[in-house]
């Protein structure tokens, strides 16, 4: 049995679909709510859905778990409730780490590229404490993810008990199906598709960096299927532990992305540049790119989907289809 926290969410439900397709028994810890999030699981329901406030009671029953994929989090980069975000992103993660360590259960958790802040210290997934302590996240979400990475680094002291396998994954900009419930945190690919499909231009923020042209802001965009493939590989490779970047290793511009969305939707390449909201000024990453050497050195040989192909799949196989879901 495998537990997926956040298993009805975007990445979690894609992982759930893949595990169900392989015949694994799964338990999802999540809140379905009333906004149709259940549709993320409709084609591949888990054995159980456990509300997050019942998770401790569920784990206290000592189920025979093989692994925990801890993907549940407060993931809004604009989150402002520090107590709730800390309790969810740090304290729950600490509890699950210690539970897995005590019971010999493998533990794979979601970190984030937001831990790198503005990128001034680079994007190397160096898990040493001195390297981690140089990072300065720009927002509450990134800071809490970074705080747990620091806790794990300290847990790895020689005398400390740890899960038999552990891995933290610093997700870069993930896009793909089943993200429709995410509101303002939905991927830019989906937002640009909706603008283009409505007959308008793809709207991009003007650059707020001197010398950086509008549209030249660049991120490491990764197809959700590639993220799932890495998590499945970790499940199949229990000897591998560590903190790993999870991107493609190649930054692409927002203008590249907008053009790819227009092409996939069969629309002219129309782009309009708009002012960046004041709330994002100073918190906006103008460049991210994931060095992937550590994951490759650990043995991962899978290939990452080029941006144009991933967007084509997303637009034509899901967003333009009658059924948007995996």
Protein backbone atom coordinates (compact mmCIF):
# COMPACT_ATOMS: atom_id res chain seq x y z
CA UNK A 1 0.00 0.00 0.00
CA UNK A 2 1.25 3.49 -0.89
CA UNK A 3 0.10 6.73 0.77
CA UNK A 4 -0.09 9.92 -1.33
CA UNK A 5 -0.70 13.12 0.58
CA UNK A 6 -2.21 15.71 -1.73
CA UNK A 7 -3.22 12.78 -3.90
CA UNK A 8 -6.30 14.51 -5.32
CA UNK A 9 -4.24 17.52 -6.35
CA UNK A 10 -2.40 18.21 -9.57
CA UNK A 11 0.82 16.21 -9.34
CA UNK A 12 -0.63 13.82 -6.77
CA UNK A 13 -3.53 12.71 -8.98
CA UNK A 14 -1.22 12.16 -11.94
CA UNK A 15 0.94 9.96 -9.69
CA UNK A 16 -2.19 8.21 -8.42
CA UNK A 17 -3.24 7.44 -12.01
CA UNK A 18 0.17 5.96 -12.79
CA UNK A 19 0.31 3.85 -9.62
CA UNK A 20 -3.23 2.57 -10.15
CA UNK A 21 -2.31 1.67 -13.72
CA UNK A 22 0.54 -0.44 -12.35
CA UNK A 23 -1.72 -2.26 -9.91
CA UNK A 24 -0.57 -0.60 -6.69
CA UNK A 25 -3.02 -0.22 -3.82
CA UNK A 26 -3.11 3.42 -2.77
CA UNK A 27 -4.52 5.65 -0.06
CA UNK A 28 -4.98 9.36 -0.76
CA UNK A 29 -4.87 11.96 2.01
CA UNK A 30 -6.63 15.08 0.75
CA UNK A 31 -9.76 17.24 0.82
CA UNK A 32 -12.06 16.84 -2.18
CA UNK A 33 -14.15 19.91 -1.35
CA UNK A 34 -17.05 21.07 -3.47
CA UNK A 35 -15.34 22.45 -6.57
CA UNK A 36 -15.10 19.23 -8.57
CA UNK A 37 -11.66 18.16 -7.42
CA UNK A 38 -12.98 14.58 -7.24
CA UNK A 39 -12.78 14.49 -11.03
CA UNK A 40 -8.99 14.29 -10.73
CA UNK A 41 -9.51 10.79 -9.27
CA UNK A 42 -12.62 9.74 -11.16
CA UNK A 43 -10.86 7.33 -13.54
CA UNK A 44 -8.57 5.78 -10.92
CA UNK A 45 -10.07 5.97 -7.41
CA UNK A 46 -7.81 4.95 -4.53
CA UNK A 47 -8.70 2.33 -1.95
CA UNK A 48 -9.34 5.05 0.61
CA UNK A 49 -9.46 8.83 0.87
CA UNK A 50 -8.39 10.07 4.30
CA UNK A 51 -9.16 13.69 5.31
CA UNK A 52 -5.95 15.43 6.44
CA UNK A 53 -7.32 15.92 9.97
CA UNK A 54 -7.74 12.13 10.21
CA UNK A 55 -4.27 11.29 8.90
CA UNK A 56 -2.68 10.82 12.32
CA UNK A 57 -5.43 8.42 13.36
CA UNK A 58 -5.03 6.50 10.11
CA UNK A 59 -1.28 6.17 10.57
CA UNK A 60 -1.70 5.21 14.23
CA UNK A 61 -3.44 2.06 13.00
CA UNK A 62 -0.02 0.98 11.67
CA UNK A 63 -1.05 0.14 8.10
CA UNK A 64 1.55 -1.89 6.16
CA UNK A 65 2.74 0.98 3.98
CA UNK A 66 5.47 0.50 1.40
CA UNK A 67 6.06 4.20 0.79
CA UNK A 68 4.74 7.68 1.48
CA UNK A 69 4.70 10.27 -1.30
CA UNK A 70 4.23 13.54 0.58
CA UNK A 71 2.93 16.02 -2.01
CA UNK A 72 0.32 17.82 0.08
CA UNK A 73 1.20 21.43 0.89
CA UNK A 74 0.13 25.03 1.00
CA UNK A 75 1.58 25.80 -2.43
CA UNK A 76 0.43 29.35 -3.12
CA UNK A 77 3.45 31.61 -3.63
CA UNK A 78 1.25 34.47 -2.39
CA UNK A 79 0.28 32.73 0.88
CA UNK A 80 0.36 35.08 3.90
CA UNK A 81 -0.93 32.92 6.80
CA UNK A 82 2.40 32.02 8.34
CA UNK A 83 1.06 29.75 11.09
CA UNK A 84 -1.08 27.64 8.75
CA UNK A 85 1.64 27.44 6.10
CA UNK A 86 4.28 26.40 8.65
CA UNK A 87 1.98 23.80 10.21
CA UNK A 88 1.20 22.26 6.83
CA UNK A 89 4.54 22.53 5.05
CA UNK A 90 6.92 21.94 7.95
CA UNK A 91 5.24 20.33 10.95
CA UNK A 92 3.22 17.79 8.97
CA UNK A 93 6.32 16.97 6.92
CA UNK A 94 8.34 16.52 10.11
CA UNK A 95 5.68 14.20 11.54
CA UNK A 96 5.63 12.04 8.40
CA UNK A 97 9.44 11.87 8.23
CA UNK A 98 9.64 10.70 11.84
CA UNK A 99 6.76 8.24 11.38
CA UNK A 100 8.47 6.72 8.34
CA UNK A 101 11.84 6.61 10.09
CA UNK A 102 10.38 4.77 13.08
CA UNK A 103 8.54 2.21 10.97
CA UNK A 104 10.98 1.67 8.12
CA UNK A 105 8.76 3.20 5.43
CA UNK A 106 10.20 4.93 2.38
CA UNK A 107 9.56 8.69 2.20
CA UNK A 108 9.54 10.88 -0.93
CA UNK A 109 8.51 14.50 -0.53
CA UNK A 110 7.93 17.62 -2.57
CA UNK A 111 10.37 20.47 -2.12
CA UNK A 112 10.35 23.36 -4.58
CA UNK A 113 12.48 25.51 -6.85
CA UNK A 114 11.00 28.42 -4.86
CA UNK A 115 13.63 27.58 -2.22
CA UNK A 116 16.26 29.14 -4.52
CA UNK A 117 14.78 32.62 -4.25
CA UNK A 118 15.95 34.97 -6.98
CA UNK A 119 18.64 32.54 -8.10
CA UNK A 120 21.52 34.70 -6.94
CA UNK A 121 23.08 31.63 -5.29
CA UNK A 122 22.43 29.44 -8.33
CA UNK A 123 20.18 26.41 -8.61
CA UNK A 124 22.50 23.59 -7.56
CA UNK A 125 20.76 20.89 -5.50
CA UNK A 126 23.62 20.72 -2.99
CA UNK A 127 22.21 19.16 0.17
CA UNK A 128 25.01 20.18 2.50
CA UNK A 129 23.98 22.48 5.33
CA UNK A 130 26.45 25.23 4.35
CA UNK A 131 25.00 25.30 0.82
CA UNK A 132 21.38 25.24 1.97
CA UNK A 133 21.99 28.02 4.46
CA UNK A 134 22.99 30.41 1.67
CA UNK A 135 19.52 30.25 0.05
CA UNK A 136 17.06 33.10 0.53
CA UNK A 137 13.52 32.25 -0.65
CA UNK A 138 11.39 35.21 -1.75
CA UNK A 139 8.05 34.20 -0.20
CA UNK A 140 6.45 32.32 2.67
CA UNK A 141 5.80 29.20 0.59
CA UNK A 142 9.43 28.93 -0.54
CA UNK A 143 10.70 29.66 2.97
CA UNK A 144 8.67 26.85 4.56
CA UNK A 145 9.79 24.38 1.88
CA UNK A 146 13.37 25.48 2.52
CA UNK A 147 12.89 25.14 6.28
CA UNK A 148 11.96 21.48 5.88
CA UNK A 149 14.92 20.82 3.57
CA UNK A 150 17.11 22.24 6.35
CA UNK A 151 15.42 19.99 8.91
CA UNK A 152 16.07 16.93 6.76
CA UNK A 153 19.74 17.89 6.37
CA UNK A 154 20.01 18.04 10.15
CA UNK A 155 18.09 14.77 10.55
CA UNK A 156 20.83 13.10 8.53
CA UNK A 157 23.37 13.41 11.36
CA UNK A 158 25.10 10.03 11.84
CA UNK A 159 23.12 9.03 14.92
CA UNK A 160 19.72 10.13 13.65
CA UNK A 161 17.14 7.59 12.54
CA UNK A 162 15.91 8.03 8.98
CA UNK A 163 13.58 6.29 6.51
CA UNK A 164 15.20 3.43 4.57
CA UNK A 165 14.85 5.58 1.44
CA UNK A 166 14.20 9.31 1.39
CA UNK A 167 14.13 11.79 -1.46
CA UNK A 168 13.20 15.44 -1.73
CA UNK A 169 12.26 16.74 -5.17
CA UNK A 170 12.71 20.41 -6.00
CA UNK A 171 9.93 20.79 -8.54
CA UNK A 172 10.45 23.53 -11.08
CA UNK A 173 7.51 24.82 -13.21
CA UNK A 174 5.24 21.81 -13.67
CA UNK A 175 2.36 21.94 -16.15
CA UNK A 176 -0.22 19.46 -17.43
CA UNK A 177 -3.72 18.04 -16.87
CA UNK A 178 -5.62 17.87 -13.56
CA UNK A 179 -4.49 21.31 -12.38
CA UNK A 180 -7.87 22.93 -13.03
CA UNK A 181 -8.76 23.39 -9.35
CA UNK A 182 -5.67 25.48 -8.59
CA UNK A 183 -7.23 28.89 -9.20
CA UNK A 184 -4.64 31.65 -9.38
CA UNK A 185 -1.82 29.10 -8.99
CA UNK A 186 -2.72 27.27 -12.21
CA UNK A 187 0.14 26.93 -14.70
CA UNK A 188 0.87 29.70 -17.15
CA UNK A 189 0.32 27.19 -19.97
CA UNK A 190 -3.35 26.78 -19.01
CA UNK A 191 -3.82 30.52 -18.52
CA UNK A 192 -2.32 31.35 -21.94
CA UNK A 193 -4.41 28.61 -23.58
CA UNK A 194 -7.61 30.08 -22.18
CA UNK A 195 -6.67 33.55 -23.44
CA UNK A 196 -5.85 32.28 -26.92
CA UNK A 197 -8.88 29.96 -27.09
CA UNK A 198 -11.11 32.96 -26.30
CA UNK A 199 -9.74 34.72 -29.38
CA UNK A 200 -7.42 37.14 -27.63
CA UNK A 201 -3.64 37.46 -27.48
CA UNK A 202 -1.48 35.59 -24.97
CA UNK A 203 -0.72 38.20 -22.32
CA UNK A 204 2.72 38.24 -20.70
CA UNK A 205 4.19 40.44 -17.98
CA UNK A 206 6.60 43.13 -19.04
CA UNK A 207 10.09 42.64 -17.70
CA UNK A 208 10.89 44.37 -14.42
CA UNK A 209 14.62 43.68 -14.78
CA UNK A 210 16.86 46.30 -16.42
CA UNK A 211 18.29 45.01 -19.68
CA UNK A 212 15.93 42.00 -19.87
CA UNK A 213 13.52 42.31 -22.83
CA UNK A 214 9.80 41.73 -22.38
CA UNK A 215 9.02 38.03 -22.79
CA UNK A 216 12.63 37.00 -22.18
CA UNK A 217 11.92 35.97 -18.60
CA UNK A 218 12.70 32.24 -18.56
CA UNK A 219 11.74 29.27 -16.45
CA UNK A 220 12.43 25.55 -16.47
CA UNK A 221 8.99 24.24 -17.51
CA UNK A 222 8.47 20.49 -17.02
CA UNK A 223 5.65 18.23 -18.25
CA UNK A 224 3.84 16.53 -15.36
CA UNK A 225 4.30 13.10 -16.95
CA UNK A 226 8.08 13.52 -16.63
CA UNK A 227 7.70 14.36 -12.94
CA UNK A 228 5.65 11.20 -12.42
CA UNK A 229 8.25 9.13 -14.28
CA UNK A 230 10.96 10.29 -11.87
CA UNK A 231 8.81 9.44 -8.83
CA UNK A 232 8.08 5.98 -10.23
CA UNK A 233 11.78 5.49 -10.88
CA UNK A 234 12.53 6.35 -7.25
CA UNK A 235 9.93 3.81 -6.15
CA UNK A 236 11.65 1.21 -8.31
CA UNK A 237 15.13 2.22 -7.12
CA UNK A 238 15.07 2.06 -3.31
CA UNK A 239 18.83 2.47 -2.99
CA UNK A 240 18.66 6.09 -4.16
CA UNK A 241 18.21 8.82 -1.56
CA UNK A 242 18.89 12.55 -1.69
CA UNK A 243 17.62 15.99 -2.57
CA UNK A 244 17.21 16.40 -6.33
CA UNK A 245 16.21 19.12 -8.74
CA UNK A 246 13.31 18.13 -10.95
CA UNK A 247 13.18 20.20 -14.10
CA UNK A 248 14.32 19.59 -17.66
CA UNK A 249 17.69 21.26 -17.30
CA UNK A 250 16.82 23.85 -19.94
CA UNK A 251 15.19 27.23 -19.31
CA UNK A 252 12.73 28.46 -21.94
CA UNK A 253 11.33 31.95 -22.30
CA UNK A 254 7.76 32.94 -21.68
CA UNK A 255 7.66 34.09 -25.30
CA UNK A 256 8.63 30.55 -26.39
CA UNK A 257 5.80 29.22 -24.24
CA UNK A 258 3.23 31.67 -25.60
CA UNK A 259 4.17 30.83 -29.18
CA UNK A 260 3.95 27.09 -28.45
CA UNK A 261 0.47 27.52 -26.97
CA UNK A 262 -0.70 29.49 -30.02
CA UNK A 263 0.75 26.85 -32.36
CA UNK A 264 -0.81 23.94 -30.44
CA UNK A 265 -4.20 25.69 -30.47
CA UNK A 266 -3.94 26.45 -34.19
CA UNK A 267 -4.06 30.21 -33.58
CA UNK A 268 -1.86 33.07 -34.84
CA UNK A 269 1.07 34.01 -32.63
CA UNK A 270 -0.38 37.08 -30.90
CA UNK A 271 1.28 38.31 -27.70
CA UNK A 272 0.47 41.37 -25.58
CA UNK A 273 2.77 42.63 -22.81
CA UNK A 274 1.15 43.98 -19.65
CA UNK A 275 2.47 45.56 -16.44
CA UNK A 276 3.47 43.22 -13.65
CA UNK A 277 1.18 43.45 -10.60
CA UNK A 278 2.71 45.37 -7.71
CA UNK A 279 2.25 42.30 -5.48
CA UNK A 280 4.75 40.35 -7.61
CA UNK A 281 7.45 42.99 -7.92
CA UNK A 282 10.44 41.79 -5.91
CA UNK A 283 9.00 38.26 -5.57
CA UNK A 284 9.13 37.24 -9.23
CA UNK A 285 11.77 34.81 -10.48
CA UNK A 286 12.92 36.05 -13.89
CA UNK A 287 15.08 32.97 -14.50
CA UNK A 288 15.12 29.39 -13.25
CA UNK A 289 16.99 26.42 -14.66
CA UNK A 290 17.52 23.08 -12.97
CA UNK A 291 21.00 21.56 -13.07
CA UNK A 292 20.14 17.88 -13.37
CA UNK A 293 23.56 16.34 -12.76
CA UNK A 294 22.78 14.83 -9.36
CA UNK A 295 19.67 12.98 -10.53
CA UNK A 296 21.58 11.73 -13.59
CA UNK A 297 24.51 10.65 -11.41
CA UNK A 298 22.06 8.72 -9.23
CA UNK A 299 21.14 6.68 -12.30
CA UNK A 300 18.05 8.31 -13.80
CA UNK A 301 18.21 7.89 -17.58
CA UNK A 302 14.77 9.07 -18.67
CA UNK A 303 14.38 11.84 -21.22
CA UNK A 304 12.46 15.05 -20.58
CA UNK A 305 9.70 16.20 -22.90
CA UNK A 306 10.53 19.32 -24.97
CA UNK A 307 8.33 22.31 -24.16
CA UNK A 308 6.60 22.38 -27.55
CA UNK A 309 5.72 18.67 -27.37
CA UNK A 310 4.46 18.88 -23.78
CA UNK A 311 2.27 21.86 -24.60
CA UNK A 312 0.96 20.11 -27.72
CA UNK A 313 -0.06 17.08 -25.62
CA UNK A 314 -1.68 19.23 -22.97
CA UNK A 315 -3.62 21.42 -25.38
CA UNK A 316 -4.67 18.84 -27.96
CA UNK A 317 -5.13 15.73 -25.78
CA UNK A 318 -6.72 17.43 -22.77
CA UNK A 319 -7.68 21.11 -22.98
CA UNK A 320 -9.23 20.80 -26.45
CA UNK A 321 -10.79 17.41 -25.68
CA UNK A 322 -14.22 16.75 -24.19
CA UNK A 323 -12.57 15.14 -21.16
CA UNK A 324 -9.74 17.27 -19.75
CA UNK A 325 -8.66 14.79 -17.06
CA UNK A 326 -6.07 12.04 -16.74
